[in-house]
Amino acid sequence: QLQLVESGGGLVQPGGSLRLSCVASGFTLEGYAIGWFRQAPGKEREGVSCISWSFGITNYADSVKGRFTISKDNAKNTVYLQMNSLKPEDIGVYYCAASHRARYYRTLDGSLYESWGQGTQVTVSS
């Protein structure tokens, strides 16, 4: 059974850092694009970053460029999202998702992702 599990969320002060992890089980991430998405209360889901597992190409939303870094660990079948210089507007539930059909693209269109994790909460507050 294909499963994605996120972890690493929490409460952090503005300017702080968090590293989110997304572990895949039941399948290998080889041949998938993995994306991070977030949803704040009362707002639509937003694509944050993605990586093509096979090609290593990445993409970032303008709002996080220069602050967030997506990476992968082949051996651990895990994708990370390093978030630095966090701002209150980064608050939300962060989800990772996998897409086989978008594996060649750097898309942040969530409708193209087939499998989703349960999410991890990120709160930025002083």
PDB file of N, CA and C in Angstrom:
ATOM      1  N   GLN A   1       0.846  -1.185   0.000  1.00  0.00           N
ATOM      2  CA  GLN A   1       0.000   0.000   0.000  1.00  0.00           C
ATOM      3  C   GLN A   1       0.885   1.239   0.000  1.00  0.00           C
ATOM      4  N   LEU A   2       0.626   2.114  -0.946  1.00  0.00           N
ATOM      5  CA  LEU A   2       1.409   3.330  -1.089  1.00  0.00           C
ATOM      6  C   LEU A   2       1.060   4.296   0.037  1.00  0.00           C
ATOM      7  N   GLN A   3       2.067   4.764   0.766  1.00  0.00           N
ATOM      8  CA  GLN A   3       1.822   5.648   1.894  1.00  0.00           C
ATOM      9  C   GLN A   3       2.925   6.688   2.003  1.00  0.00           C
ATOM     10  N   LEU A   4       2.525   7.909   2.326  1.00  0.00           N
ATOM     11  CA  LEU A   4       3.455   9.006   2.586  1.00  0.00           C
ATOM     12  C   LEU A   4       3.199   9.514   3.997  1.00  0.00           C
ATOM     13  N   VAL A   5       4.253   9.688   4.764  1.00  0.00           N
ATOM     14  CA  VAL A   5       4.112  10.165   6.137  1.00  0.00           C
ATOM     15  C   VAL A   5       5.030  11.356   6.349  1.00  0.00           C
ATOM     16  N   GLU A   6       4.429  12.486   6.716  1.00  0.00           N
ATOM     17  CA  GLU A   6       5.193  13.697   6.997  1.00  0.00           C
ATOM     18  C   GLU A   6       5.499  13.802   8.481  1.00  0.00           C
ATOM     19  N   SER A   7       6.575  14.487   8.784  1.00  0.00           N
ATOM     20  CA  SER A   7       6.931  14.799  10.168  1.00  0.00           C
ATOM     21  C   SER A   7       7.818  16.029  10.177  1.00  0.00           C
ATOM     22  N   GLY A   8       8.031  16.574  11.366  1.00  0.00           N
ATOM     23  CA  GLY A   8       8.951  17.693  11.512  1.00  0.00           C
ATOM     24  C   GLY A   8       8.299  19.036  11.724  1.00  0.00           C
ATOM     25  N   GLY A   9       6.990  19.082  11.665  1.00  0.00           N
ATOM     26  CA  GLY A   9       6.324  20.342  11.913  1.00  0.00           C
ATOM     27  C   GLY A   9       6.399  20.737  13.373  1.00  0.00           C
ATOM     28  N   GLY A  10       5.968  21.958  13.663  1.00  0.00           N
ATOM     29  CA  GLY A  10       5.980  22.421  15.046  1.00  0.00           C
ATOM     30  C   GLY A  10       5.811  23.917  15.116  1.00  0.00           C
ATOM     31  N   LEU A  11       6.083  24.426  16.302  1.00  0.00           N
ATOM     32  CA  LEU A  11       5.989  25.865  16.560  1.00  0.00           C
ATOM     33  C   LEU A  11       7.386  26.460  16.540  1.00  0.00           C
ATOM     34  N   VAL A  12       7.552  27.524  15.797  1.00  0.00           N
ATOM     35  CA  VAL A  12       8.853  28.178  15.690  1.00  0.00           C
ATOM     36  C   VAL A  12       8.648  29.682  15.651  1.00  0.00           C
ATOM     37  N   GLN A  13       9.616  30.420  16.143  1.00  0.00           N
ATOM     38  CA  GLN A  13       9.537  31.877  16.109  1.00  0.00           C
ATOM     39  C   GLN A  13       9.870  32.398  14.718  1.00  0.00           C
ATOM     40  N   PRO A  14       9.380  33.577  14.394  1.00  0.00           N
ATOM     41  CA  PRO A  14       9.763  34.180  13.102  1.00  0.00           C
ATOM     42  C   PRO A  14      11.273  34.247  12.960  1.00  0.00           C
ATOM     43  N   GLY A  15      11.745  33.886  11.779  1.00  0.00           N
ATOM     44  CA  GLY A  15      13.176  33.824  11.539  1.00  0.00           C
ATOM     45  C   GLY A  15      13.792  32.475  11.830  1.00  0.00           C
ATOM     46  N   GLY A  16      13.014  31.600  12.421  1.00  0.00           N
ATOM     47  CA  GLY A  16      13.513  30.283  12.777  1.00  0.00           C
ATOM     48  C   GLY A  16      13.475  29.309  11.612  1.00  0.00           C
ATOM     49  N   SER A  17      13.859  28.054  11.916  1.00  0.00           N
ATOM     50  CA  SER A  17      13.951  27.033  10.888  1.00  0.00           C
ATOM     51  C   SER A  17      13.264  25.751  11.330  1.00  0.00           C
ATOM     52  N   LEU A  18      12.799  25.010  10.351  1.00  0.00           N
ATOM     53  CA  LEU A  18      12.272  23.669  10.559  1.00  0.00           C
ATOM     54  C   LEU A  18      12.667  22.822   9.357  1.00  0.00           C
ATOM     55  N   ARG A  19      12.801  21.516   9.598  1.00  0.00           N
ATOM     56  CA  ARG A  19      13.013  20.600   8.492  1.00  0.00           C
ATOM     57  C   ARG A  19      11.901  19.566   8.494  1.00  0.00           C
ATOM     58  N   LEU A  20      11.149  19.550   7.421  1.00  0.00           N
ATOM     59  CA  LEU A  20      10.082  18.568   7.270  1.00  0.00           C
ATOM     60  C   LEU A  20      10.613  17.344   6.535  1.00  0.00           C
ATOM     61  N   SER A  21      10.085  16.194   6.906  1.00  0.00           N
ATOM     62  CA  SER A  21      10.448  14.941   6.253  1.00  0.00           C
ATOM     63  C   SER A  21       9.208  14.281   5.695  1.00  0.00           C
ATOM     64  N   CYS A  22       9.383  13.612   4.585  1.00  0.00           N
ATOM     65  CA  CYS A  22       8.298  12.842   3.967  1.00  0.00           C
ATOM     66  C   CYS A  22       8.856  11.473   3.611  1.00  0.00           C
ATOM     67  N   VAL A  23       8.402  10.478   4.335  1.00  0.00           N
ATOM     68  CA  VAL A  23       8.884   9.116   4.126  1.00  0.00           C
ATOM     69  C   VAL A  23       7.844   8.333   3.346  1.00  0.00           C
ATOM     70  N   ALA A  24       8.292   7.669   2.305  1.00  0.00           N
ATOM     71  CA  ALA A  24       7.401   6.849   1.486  1.00  0.00           C
ATOM     72  C   ALA A  24       7.540   5.389   1.859  1.00  0.00           C
ATOM     73  N   SER A  25       6.427   4.702   1.903  1.00  0.00           N
ATOM     74  CA  SER A  25       6.440   3.261   2.145  1.00  0.00           C
ATOM     75  C   SER A  25       5.472   2.600   1.184  1.00  0.00           C
ATOM     76  N   GLY A  26       5.766   1.359   0.873  1.00  0.00           N
ATOM     77  CA  GLY A  26       4.908   0.631  -0.046  1.00  0.00           C
ATOM     78  C   GLY A  26       5.262   0.854  -1.503  1.00  0.00           C
ATOM     79  N   PHE A  27       6.170   1.777  -1.760  1.00  0.00           N
ATOM     80  CA  PHE A  27       6.620   2.019  -3.115  1.00  0.00           C
ATOM     81  C   PHE A  27       7.924   2.797  -3.045  1.00  0.00           C
ATOM     82  N   THR A  28       8.671   2.780  -4.145  1.00  0.00           N
ATOM     83  CA  THR A  28       9.882   3.581  -4.210  1.00  0.00           C
ATOM     84  C   THR A  28       9.587   4.890  -4.913  1.00  0.00           C
ATOM     85  N   LEU A  29      10.235   5.935  -4.452  1.00  0.00           N
ATOM     86  CA  LEU A  29      10.005   7.252  -5.030  1.00  0.00           C
ATOM     87  C   LEU A  29      10.674   7.426  -6.384  1.00  0.00           C
ATOM     88  N   GLU A  30      11.487   6.483  -6.768  1.00  0.00           N
ATOM     89  CA  GLU A  30      12.096   6.510  -8.096  1.00  0.00           C
ATOM     90  C   GLU A  30      10.984   6.543  -9.142  1.00  0.00           C
ATOM     91  N   GLY A  31      11.052   7.526 -10.038  1.00  0.00           N
ATOM     92  CA  GLY A  31      10.028   7.623 -11.063  1.00  0.00           C
ATOM     93  C   GLY A  31       8.835   8.457 -10.666  1.00  0.00           C
ATOM     94  N   TYR A  32       8.990   9.218  -9.596  1.00  0.00           N
ATOM     95  CA  TYR A  32       7.909  10.100  -9.160  1.00  0.00           C
ATOM     96  C   TYR A  32       8.421  11.525  -9.020  1.00  0.00           C
ATOM     97  N   ALA A  33       7.493  12.452  -9.118  1.00  0.00           N
ATOM     98  CA  ALA A  33       7.739  13.801  -8.646  1.00  0.00           C
ATOM     99  C   ALA A  33       7.137  13.889  -7.247  1.00  0.00           C
ATOM    100  N   ILE A  34       7.856  14.531  -6.355  1.00  0.00           N
ATOM    101  CA  ILE A  34       7.386  14.699  -4.984  1.00  0.00           C
ATOM    102  C   ILE A  34       7.217  16.190  -4.733  1.00  0.00           C
ATOM    103  N   GLY A  35       6.070  16.534  -4.243  1.00  0.00           N
ATOM    104  CA  GLY A  35       5.789  17.939  -3.986  1.00  0.00           C
ATOM    105  C   GLY A  35       5.439  18.194  -2.536  1.00  0.00           C
ATOM    106  N   TRP A  36       5.729  19.399  -2.105  1.00  0.00           N
ATOM    107  CA  TRP A  36       5.271  19.890  -0.809  1.00  0.00           C
ATOM    108  C   TRP A  36       4.223  20.962  -1.052  1.00  0.00           C
ATOM    109  N   PHE A  37       3.121  20.837  -0.351  1.00  0.00           N
ATOM    110  CA  PHE A  37       2.024  21.776  -0.460  1.00  0.00           C
ATOM    111  C   PHE A  37       1.647  22.245   0.940  1.00  0.00           C
ATOM    112  N   ARG A  38       1.006  23.361   1.034  1.00  0.00           N
ATOM    113  CA  ARG A  38       0.561  23.833   2.337  1.00  0.00           C
ATOM    114  C   ARG A  38      -0.817  24.460   2.207  1.00  0.00           C
ATOM    115  N   GLN A  39      -1.512  24.422   3.321  1.00  0.00           N
ATOM    116  CA  GLN A  39      -2.831  25.044   3.374  1.00  0.00           C
ATOM    117  C   GLN A  39      -2.993  25.741   4.709  1.00  0.00           C
ATOM    118  N   ALA A  40      -3.193  27.030   4.628  1.00  0.00           N
ATOM    119  CA  ALA A  40      -3.437  27.842   5.824  1.00  0.00           C
ATOM    120  C   ALA A  40      -4.940  27.923   6.069  1.00  0.00           C
ATOM    121  N   PRO A  41      -5.344  28.185   7.292  1.00  0.00           N
ATOM    122  CA  PRO A  41      -6.775  28.289   7.588  1.00  0.00           C
ATOM    123  C   PRO A  41      -7.456  29.330   6.699  1.00  0.00           C
ATOM    124  N   GLY A  42      -8.538  28.923   6.063  1.00  0.00           N
ATOM    125  CA  GLY A  42      -9.307  29.840   5.239  1.00  0.00           C
ATOM    126  C   GLY A  42      -8.708  30.140   3.885  1.00  0.00           C
ATOM    127  N   LYS A  43      -7.614  29.452   3.555  1.00  0.00           N
ATOM    128  CA  LYS A  43      -6.962  29.694   2.267  1.00  0.00           C
ATOM    129  C   LYS A  43      -6.914  28.424   1.435  1.00  0.00           C
ATOM    130  N   GLU A  44      -6.717  28.597   0.155  1.00  0.00           N
ATOM    131  CA  GLU A  44      -6.598  27.453  -0.733  1.00  0.00           C
ATOM    132  C   GLU A  44      -5.220  26.800  -0.570  1.00  0.00           C
ATOM    133  N   ARG A  45      -5.175  25.535  -0.934  1.00  0.00           N
ATOM    134  CA  ARG A  45      -3.906  24.836  -0.918  1.00  0.00           C
ATOM    135  C   ARG A  45      -2.924  25.482  -1.900  1.00  0.00           C
ATOM    136  N   GLU A  46      -1.677  25.557  -1.484  1.00  0.00           N
ATOM    137  CA  GLU A  46      -0.645  26.224  -2.276  1.00  0.00           C
ATOM    138  C   GLU A  46       0.537  25.278  -2.490  1.00  0.00           C
ATOM    139  N   GLY A  47       1.023  25.212  -3.712  1.00  0.00           N
ATOM    140  CA  GLY A  47       2.231  24.451  -3.979  1.00  0.00           C
ATOM    141  C   GLY A  47       3.442  25.209  -3.478  1.00  0.00           C
ATOM    142  N   VAL A  48       4.305  24.532  -2.751  1.00  0.00           N
ATOM    143  CA  VAL A  48       5.476  25.170  -2.145  1.00  0.00           C
ATOM    144  C   VAL A  48       6.754  24.813  -2.896  1.00  0.00           C
ATOM    145  N   SER A  49       6.950  23.519  -3.117  1.00  0.00           N
ATOM    146  CA  SER A  49       8.169  23.074  -3.790  1.00  0.00           C
ATOM    147  C   SER A  49       7.963  21.665  -4.306  1.00  0.00           C
ATOM    148  N   CYS A  50       8.765  21.288  -5.288  1.00  0.00           N
ATOM    149  CA  CYS A  50       8.686  19.926  -5.796  1.00  0.00           C
ATOM    150  C   CYS A  50      10.044  19.513  -6.341  1.00  0.00           C
ATOM    151  N   ILE A  51      10.204  18.201  -6.461  1.00  0.00           N
ATOM    152  CA  ILE A  51      11.445  17.650  -6.985  1.00  0.00           C
ATOM    153  C   ILE A  51      11.115  16.422  -7.822  1.00  0.00           C
ATOM    154  N   SER A  52      11.780  16.334  -8.943  1.00  0.00           N
ATOM    155  CA  SER A  52      11.669  15.132  -9.762  1.00  0.00           C
ATOM    156  C   SER A  52      12.698  14.138  -9.260  1.00  0.00           C
ATOM    157  N   TRP A  53      12.223  13.002  -8.780  1.00  0.00           N
ATOM    158  CA  TRP A  53      13.133  12.071  -8.130  1.00  0.00           C
ATOM    159  C   TRP A  53      14.233  11.600  -9.068  1.00  0.00           C
ATOM    160  N   SER A  54      13.866  11.270 -10.286  1.00  0.00           N
ATOM    161  CA  SER A  54      14.848  10.689 -11.200  1.00  0.00           C
ATOM    162  C   SER A  54      15.831  11.714 -11.727  1.00  0.00           C
ATOM    163  N   PHE A  55      15.368  12.942 -11.935  1.00  0.00           N
ATOM    164  CA  PHE A  55      16.205  13.957 -12.550  1.00  0.00           C
ATOM    165  C   PHE A  55      16.739  14.975 -11.561  1.00  0.00           C
ATOM    166  N   GLY A  56      16.160  15.000 -10.384  1.00  0.00           N
ATOM    167  CA  GLY A  56      16.640  15.924  -9.360  1.00  0.00           C
ATOM    168  C   GLY A  56      16.314  17.374  -9.602  1.00  0.00           C
ATOM    169  N   ILE A  57      15.504  17.653 -10.610  1.00  0.00           N
ATOM    170  CA  ILE A  57      15.162  19.049 -10.884  1.00  0.00           C
ATOM    171  C   ILE A  57      14.131  19.514  -9.868  1.00  0.00           C
ATOM    172  N   THR A  58      14.238  20.756  -9.494  1.00  0.00           N
ATOM    173  CA  THR A  58      13.391  21.301  -8.428  1.00  0.00           C
ATOM    174  C   THR A  58      12.642  22.539  -8.884  1.00  0.00           C
ATOM    175  N   ASN A  59      11.649  22.879  -8.112  1.00  0.00           N
ATOM    176  CA  ASN A  59      10.865  24.082  -8.377  1.00  0.00           C
ATOM    177  C   ASN A  59      10.386  24.629  -7.048  1.00  0.00           C
ATOM    178  N   TYR A  60      10.231  25.946  -6.983  1.00  0.00           N
ATOM    179  CA  TYR A  60       9.798  26.597  -5.755  1.00  0.00           C
ATOM    180  C   TYR A  60       8.774  27.676  -6.068  1.00  0.00           C
ATOM    181  N   ALA A  61       7.841  27.837  -5.160  1.00  0.00           N
ATOM    182  CA  ALA A  61       6.943  28.978  -5.253  1.00  0.00           C
ATOM    183  C   ALA A  61       7.749  30.249  -4.993  1.00  0.00           C
ATOM    184  N   ASP A  62       7.358  31.332  -5.615  1.00  0.00           N
ATOM    185  CA  ASP A  62       8.080  32.597  -5.448  1.00  0.00           C
ATOM    186  C   ASP A  62       8.150  33.004  -3.978  1.00  0.00           C
ATOM    187  N   SER A  63       7.131  32.675  -3.239  1.00  0.00           N
ATOM    188  CA  SER A  63       7.049  33.111  -1.846  1.00  0.00           C
ATOM    189  C   SER A  63       8.081  32.437  -0.948  1.00  0.00           C
ATOM    190  N   VAL A  64       8.692  31.343  -1.413  1.00  0.00           N
ATOM    191  CA  VAL A  64       9.646  30.625  -0.566  1.00  0.00           C
ATOM    192  C   VAL A  64      11.040  30.544  -1.183  1.00  0.00           C
ATOM    193  N   LYS A  65      11.211  31.045  -2.379  1.00  0.00           N
ATOM    194  CA  LYS A  65      12.527  30.981  -3.029  1.00  0.00           C
ATOM    195  C   LYS A  65      13.581  31.676  -2.182  1.00  0.00           C
ATOM    196  N   GLY A  66      14.710  31.012  -2.053  1.00  0.00           N
ATOM    197  CA  GLY A  66      15.796  31.552  -1.260  1.00  0.00           C
ATOM    198  C   GLY A  66      15.695  31.233   0.215  1.00  0.00           C
ATOM    199  N   ARG A  67      14.560  30.717   0.651  1.00  0.00           N
ATOM    200  CA  ARG A  67      14.373  30.380   2.065  1.00  0.00           C
ATOM    201  C   ARG A  67      14.175  28.883   2.278  1.00  0.00           C
ATOM    202  N   PHE A  68      13.519  28.223   1.364  1.00  0.00           N
ATOM    203  CA  PHE A  68      13.228  26.793   1.476  1.00  0.00           C
ATOM    204  C   PHE A  68      14.101  26.014   0.501  1.00  0.00           C
ATOM    205  N   THR A  69      14.468  24.801   0.903  1.00  0.00           N
ATOM    206  CA  THR A  69      15.238  23.923   0.040  1.00  0.00           C
ATOM    207  C   THR A  69      14.667  22.516   0.107  1.00  0.00           C
ATOM    208  N   ILE A  70      14.372  21.961  -1.049  1.00  0.00           N
ATOM    209  CA  ILE A  70      13.877  20.587  -1.114  1.00  0.00           C
ATOM    210  C   ILE A  70      15.039  19.669  -1.478  1.00  0.00           C
ATOM    211  N   SER A  71      15.057  18.502  -0.863  1.00  0.00           N
ATOM    212  CA  SER A  71      16.120  17.550  -1.158  1.00  0.00           C
ATOM    213  C   SER A  71      15.593  16.140  -0.957  1.00  0.00           C
ATOM    214  N   LYS A  72      16.382  15.156  -1.372  1.00  0.00           N
ATOM    215  CA  LYS A  72      15.933  13.772  -1.257  1.00  0.00           C
ATOM    216  C   LYS A  72      17.072  12.881  -0.803  1.00  0.00           C
ATOM    217  N   ASP A  73      16.705  11.790  -0.187  1.00  0.00           N
ATOM    218  CA  ASP A  73      17.661  10.769   0.232  1.00  0.00           C
ATOM    219  C   ASP A  73      17.197   9.460  -0.389  1.00  0.00           C
ATOM    220  N   ASN A  74      17.915   9.020  -1.409  1.00  0.00           N
ATOM    221  CA  ASN A  74      17.506   7.812  -2.125  1.00  0.00           C
ATOM    222  C   ASN A  74      17.450   6.604  -1.198  1.00  0.00           C
ATOM    223  N   ALA A  75      18.460   6.475  -0.378  1.00  0.00           N
ATOM    224  CA  ALA A  75      18.551   5.291   0.473  1.00  0.00           C
ATOM    225  C   ALA A  75      17.411   5.213   1.484  1.00  0.00           C
ATOM    226  N   LYS A  76      16.947   6.369   1.918  1.00  0.00           N
ATOM    227  CA  LYS A  76      15.875   6.405   2.917  1.00  0.00           C
ATOM    228  C   LYS A  76      14.499   6.590   2.293  1.00  0.00           C
ATOM    229  N   ASN A  77      14.461   6.720   0.972  1.00  0.00           N
ATOM    230  CA  ASN A  77      13.176   6.913   0.293  1.00  0.00           C
ATOM    231  C   ASN A  77      12.412   8.082   0.918  1.00  0.00           C
ATOM    232  N   THR A  78      13.139   9.161   1.129  1.00  0.00           N
ATOM    233  CA  THR A  78      12.623  10.292   1.908  1.00  0.00           C
ATOM    234  C   THR A  78      12.917  11.598   1.180  1.00  0.00           C
ATOM    235  N   VAL A  79      11.981  12.510   1.277  1.00  0.00           N
ATOM    236  CA  VAL A  79      12.156  13.868   0.768  1.00  0.00           C
ATOM    237  C   VAL A  79      12.084  14.824   1.939  1.00  0.00           C
ATOM    238  N   TYR A  80      12.929  15.818   1.900  1.00  0.00           N
ATOM    239  CA  TYR A  80      12.993  16.810   2.972  1.00  0.00           C
ATOM    240  C   TYR A  80      12.622  18.192   2.439  1.00  0.00           C
ATOM    241  N   LEU A  81      12.131  19.014   3.328  1.00  0.00           N
ATOM    242  CA  LEU A  81      11.926  20.424   3.031  1.00  0.00           C
ATOM    243  C   LEU A  81      12.562  21.218   4.163  1.00  0.00           C
ATOM    244  N   GLN A  82      13.702  21.804   3.874  1.00  0.00           N
ATOM    245  CA  GLN A  82      14.380  22.659   4.849  1.00  0.00           C
ATOM    246  C   GLN A  82      13.798  24.056   4.731  1.00  0.00           C
ATOM    247  N   MET A  83      13.253  24.552   5.823  1.00  0.00           N
ATOM    248  CA  MET A  83      12.601  25.856   5.813  1.00  0.00           C
ATOM    249  C   MET A  83      13.349  26.793   6.739  1.00  0.00           C
ATOM    250  N   ASN A  84      13.939  27.820   6.173  1.00  0.00           N
ATOM    251  CA  ASN A  84      14.684  28.815   6.939  1.00  0.00           C
ATOM    252  C   ASN A  84      13.984  30.165   6.869  1.00  0.00           C
ATOM    253  N   SER A  85      14.362  31.045   7.756  1.00  0.00           N
ATOM    254  CA  SER A  85      13.806  32.409   7.778  1.00  0.00           C
ATOM    255  C   SER A  85      12.280  32.378   7.733  1.00  0.00           C
ATOM    256  N   LEU A  86      11.707  31.548   8.552  1.00  0.00           N
ATOM    257  CA  LEU A  86      10.254  31.371   8.529  1.00  0.00           C
ATOM    258  C   LEU A  86       9.525  32.652   8.918  1.00  0.00           C
ATOM    259  N   LYS A  87       8.395  32.837   8.270  1.00  0.00           N
ATOM    260  CA  LYS A  87       7.576  34.029   8.476  1.00  0.00           C
ATOM    261  C   LYS A  87       6.182  33.600   8.942  1.00  0.00           C
ATOM    262  N   PRO A  88       5.448  34.487   9.577  1.00  0.00           N
ATOM    263  CA  PRO A  88       4.080  34.133   9.988  1.00  0.00           C
ATOM    264  C   PRO A  88       3.216  33.664   8.820  1.00  0.00           C
ATOM    265  N   GLU A  89       3.476  34.176   7.633  1.00  0.00           N
ATOM    266  CA  GLU A  89       2.677  33.761   6.473  1.00  0.00           C
ATOM    267  C   GLU A  89       3.000  32.356   5.984  1.00  0.00           C
ATOM    268  N   ASP A  90       3.999  31.719   6.584  1.00  0.00           N
ATOM    269  CA  ASP A  90       4.310  30.326   6.248  1.00  0.00           C
ATOM    270  C   ASP A  90       3.469  29.331   7.045  1.00  0.00           C
ATOM    271  N   ILE A  91       2.644  29.849   7.906  1.00  0.00           N
ATOM    272  CA  ILE A  91       1.798  28.989   8.740  1.00  0.00           C
ATOM    273  C   ILE A  91       0.879  28.130   7.872  1.00  0.00           C
ATOM    274  N   GLY A  92       0.686  26.876   8.301  1.00  0.00           N
ATOM    275  CA  GLY A  92      -0.260  26.014   7.617  1.00  0.00           C
ATOM    276  C   GLY A  92       0.035  24.561   7.867  1.00  0.00           C
ATOM    277  N   VAL A  93      -0.819  23.716   7.323  1.00  0.00           N
ATOM    278  CA  VAL A  93      -0.568  22.288   7.323  1.00  0.00           C
ATOM    279  C   VAL A  93       0.195  21.978   6.040  1.00  0.00           C
ATOM    280  N   TYR A  94       1.337  21.328   6.211  1.00  0.00           N
ATOM    281  CA  TYR A  94       2.188  21.006   5.085  1.00  0.00           C
ATOM    282  C   TYR A  94       1.995  19.539   4.715  1.00  0.00           C
ATOM    283  N   TYR A  95       1.749  19.320   3.449  1.00  0.00           N
ATOM    284  CA  TYR A  95       1.521  17.980   2.930  1.00  0.00           C
ATOM    285  C   TYR A  95       2.587  17.635   1.896  1.00  0.00           C
ATOM    286  N   CYS A  96       2.998  16.396   1.879  1.00  0.00           N
ATOM    287  CA  CYS A  96       3.789  15.937   0.748  1.00  0.00           C
ATOM    288  C   CYS A  96       2.895  15.062  -0.123  1.00  0.00           C
ATOM    289  N   ALA A  97       3.228  15.041  -1.392  1.00  0.00           N
ATOM    290  CA  ALA A  97       2.424  14.300  -2.351  1.00  0.00           C
ATOM    291  C   ALA A  97       3.335  13.737  -3.431  1.00  0.00           C
ATOM    292  N   ALA A  98       2.890  12.656  -4.046  1.00  0.00           N
ATOM    293  CA  ALA A  98       3.667  11.992  -5.088  1.00  0.00           C
ATOM    294  C   ALA A  98       2.868  11.933  -6.381  1.00  0.00           C
ATOM    295  N   SER A  99       3.576  12.135  -7.463  1.00  0.00           N
ATOM    296  CA  SER A  99       2.933  12.077  -8.776  1.00  0.00           C
ATOM    297  C   SER A  99       3.792  11.278  -9.728  1.00  0.00           C
ATOM    298  N   HIS A 100       3.200  10.248 -10.298  1.00  0.00           N
ATOM    299  CA  HIS A 100       3.923   9.481 -11.310  1.00  0.00           C
ATOM    300  C   HIS A 100       3.790  10.165 -12.674  1.00  0.00           C
ATOM    301  N   ARG A 101       2.585  10.655 -12.975  1.00  0.00           N
ATOM    302  CA  ARG A 101       2.377  11.247 -14.299  1.00  0.00           C
ATOM    303  C   ARG A 101       3.105  12.565 -14.471  1.00  0.00           C
ATOM    304  N   ALA A 102       3.454  13.220 -13.373  1.00  0.00           N
ATOM    305  CA  ALA A 102       4.164  14.501 -13.485  1.00  0.00           C
ATOM    306  C   ALA A 102       5.654  14.343 -13.207  1.00  0.00           C
ATOM    307  N   ARG A 103       6.161  13.126 -13.336  1.00  0.00           N
ATOM    308  CA  ARG A 103       7.533  12.857 -12.902  1.00  0.00           C
ATOM    309  C   ARG A 103       8.581  13.582 -13.720  1.00  0.00           C
ATOM    310  N   TYR A 104       8.228  14.006 -14.923  1.00  0.00           N
ATOM    311  CA  TYR A 104       9.200  14.708 -15.764  1.00  0.00           C
ATOM    312  C   TYR A 104       9.065  16.232 -15.644  1.00  0.00           C
ATOM    313  N   TYR A 105       8.147  16.676 -14.840  1.00  0.00           N
ATOM    314  CA  TYR A 105       7.859  18.098 -14.781  1.00  0.00           C
ATOM    315  C   TYR A 105       8.136  18.662 -13.393  1.00  0.00           C
ATOM    316  N   ARG A 106       8.223  19.932 -13.319  1.00  0.00           N
ATOM    317  CA  ARG A 106       8.417  20.617 -12.046  1.00  0.00           C
ATOM    318  C   ARG A 106       7.126  21.341 -11.683  1.00  0.00           C
ATOM    319  N   THR A 107       6.058  20.571 -11.619  1.00  0.00           N
ATOM    320  CA  THR A 107       4.763  21.195 -11.446  1.00  0.00           C
ATOM    321  C   THR A 107       4.375  21.333  -9.985  1.00  0.00           C
ATOM    322  N   LEU A 108       3.780  22.450  -9.667  1.00  0.00           N
ATOM    323  CA  LEU A 108       3.224  22.682  -8.338  1.00  0.00           C
ATOM    324  C   LEU A 108       1.701  22.645  -8.393  1.00  0.00           C
ATOM    325  N   ASP A 109       1.181  22.023  -9.434  1.00  0.00           N
ATOM    326  CA  ASP A 109      -0.266  21.852  -9.576  1.00  0.00           C
ATOM    327  C   ASP A 109      -0.683  20.599  -8.805  1.00  0.00           C
ATOM    328  N   GLY A 110      -1.306  20.807  -7.697  1.00  0.00           N
ATOM    329  CA  GLY A 110      -1.673  19.698  -6.830  1.00  0.00           C
ATOM    330  C   GLY A 110      -2.624  18.699  -7.463  1.00  0.00           C
ATOM    331  N   SER A 111      -3.380  19.121  -8.449  1.00  0.00           N
ATOM    332  CA  SER A 111      -4.340  18.212  -9.090  1.00  0.00           C
ATOM    333  C   SER A 111      -3.640  17.094  -9.852  1.00  0.00           C
ATOM    334  N   LEU A 112      -2.355  17.240 -10.106  1.00  0.00           N
ATOM    335  CA  LEU A 112      -1.600  16.228 -10.837  1.00  0.00           C
ATOM    336  C   LEU A 112      -0.939  15.203  -9.918  1.00  0.00           C
ATOM    337  N   TYR A 113      -1.094  15.369  -8.627  1.00  0.00           N
ATOM    338  CA  TYR A 113      -0.478  14.469  -7.658  1.00  0.00           C
ATOM    339  C   TYR A 113      -1.508  13.445  -7.195  1.00  0.00           C
ATOM    340  N   GLU A 114      -1.100  12.182  -7.204  1.00  0.00           N
ATOM    341  CA  GLU A 114      -2.048  11.095  -6.960  1.00  0.00           C
ATOM    342  C   GLU A 114      -2.109  10.639  -5.498  1.00  0.00           C
ATOM    343  N   SER A 115      -1.006  10.755  -4.795  1.00  0.00           N
ATOM    344  CA  SER A 115      -0.950  10.233  -3.428  1.00  0.00           C
ATOM    345  C   SER A 115      -0.527  11.326  -2.479  1.00  0.00           C
ATOM    346  N   TRP A 116      -1.173  11.374  -1.321  1.00  0.00           N
ATOM    347  CA  TRP A 116      -0.953  12.444  -0.359  1.00  0.00           C
ATOM    348  C   TRP A 116      -0.735  11.883   1.038  1.00  0.00           C
ATOM    349  N   GLY A 117       0.105  12.609   1.782  1.00  0.00           N
ATOM    350  CA  GLY A 117       0.267  12.287   3.189  1.00  0.00           C
ATOM    351  C   GLY A 117      -0.804  12.955   4.023  1.00  0.00           C
ATOM    352  N   GLN A 118      -0.724  12.764   5.332  1.00  0.00           N
ATOM    353  CA  GLN A 118      -1.751  13.275   6.231  1.00  0.00           C
ATOM    354  C   GLN A 118      -1.467  14.708   6.682  1.00  0.00           C
ATOM    355  N   GLY A 119      -0.264  15.191   6.468  1.00  0.00           N
ATOM    356  CA  GLY A 119       0.061  16.569   6.789  1.00  0.00           C
ATOM    357  C   GLY A 119       0.737  16.734   8.139  1.00  0.00           C
ATOM    358  N   THR A 120       1.490  17.817   8.254  1.00  0.00           N
ATOM    359  CA  THR A 120       2.125  18.187   9.510  1.00  0.00           C
ATOM    360  C   THR A 120       1.974  19.695   9.693  1.00  0.00           C
ATOM    361  N   GLN A 121       1.639  20.098  10.908  1.00  0.00           N
ATOM    362  CA  GLN A 121       1.323  21.497  11.183  1.00  0.00           C
ATOM    363  C   GLN A 121       2.594  22.315  11.403  1.00  0.00           C
ATOM    364  N   VAL A 122       2.653  23.465  10.757  1.00  0.00           N
ATOM    365  CA  VAL A 122       3.742  24.430  10.964  1.00  0.00           C
ATOM    366  C   VAL A 122       3.125  25.724  11.465  1.00  0.00           C
ATOM    367  N   THR A 123       3.604  26.183  12.608  1.00  0.00           N
ATOM    368  CA  THR A 123       3.125  27.427  13.191  1.00  0.00           C
ATOM    369  C   THR A 123       4.306  28.343  13.426  1.00  0.00           C
ATOM    370  N   VAL A 124       4.207  29.564  12.959  1.00  0.00           N
ATOM    371  CA  VAL A 124       5.272  30.555  13.126  1.00  0.00           C
ATOM    372  C   VAL A 124       4.696  31.707  13.939  1.00  0.00           C
ATOM    373  N   SER A 125       5.193  31.826  15.133  1.00  0.00           N
ATOM    374  CA  SER A 125       4.642  32.838  16.029  1.00  0.00           C
ATOM    375  C   SER A 125       5.641  33.175  17.120  1.00  0.00           C
ATOM    376  N   SER A 126       5.623  34.429  17.535  1.00  0.00           N
ATOM    377  CA  SER A 126       6.480  34.841  18.646  1.00  0.00           C
ATOM    378  C   SER A 126       5.722  34.735  19.961  1.00  0.00           C
TER     379      SER A 126
END
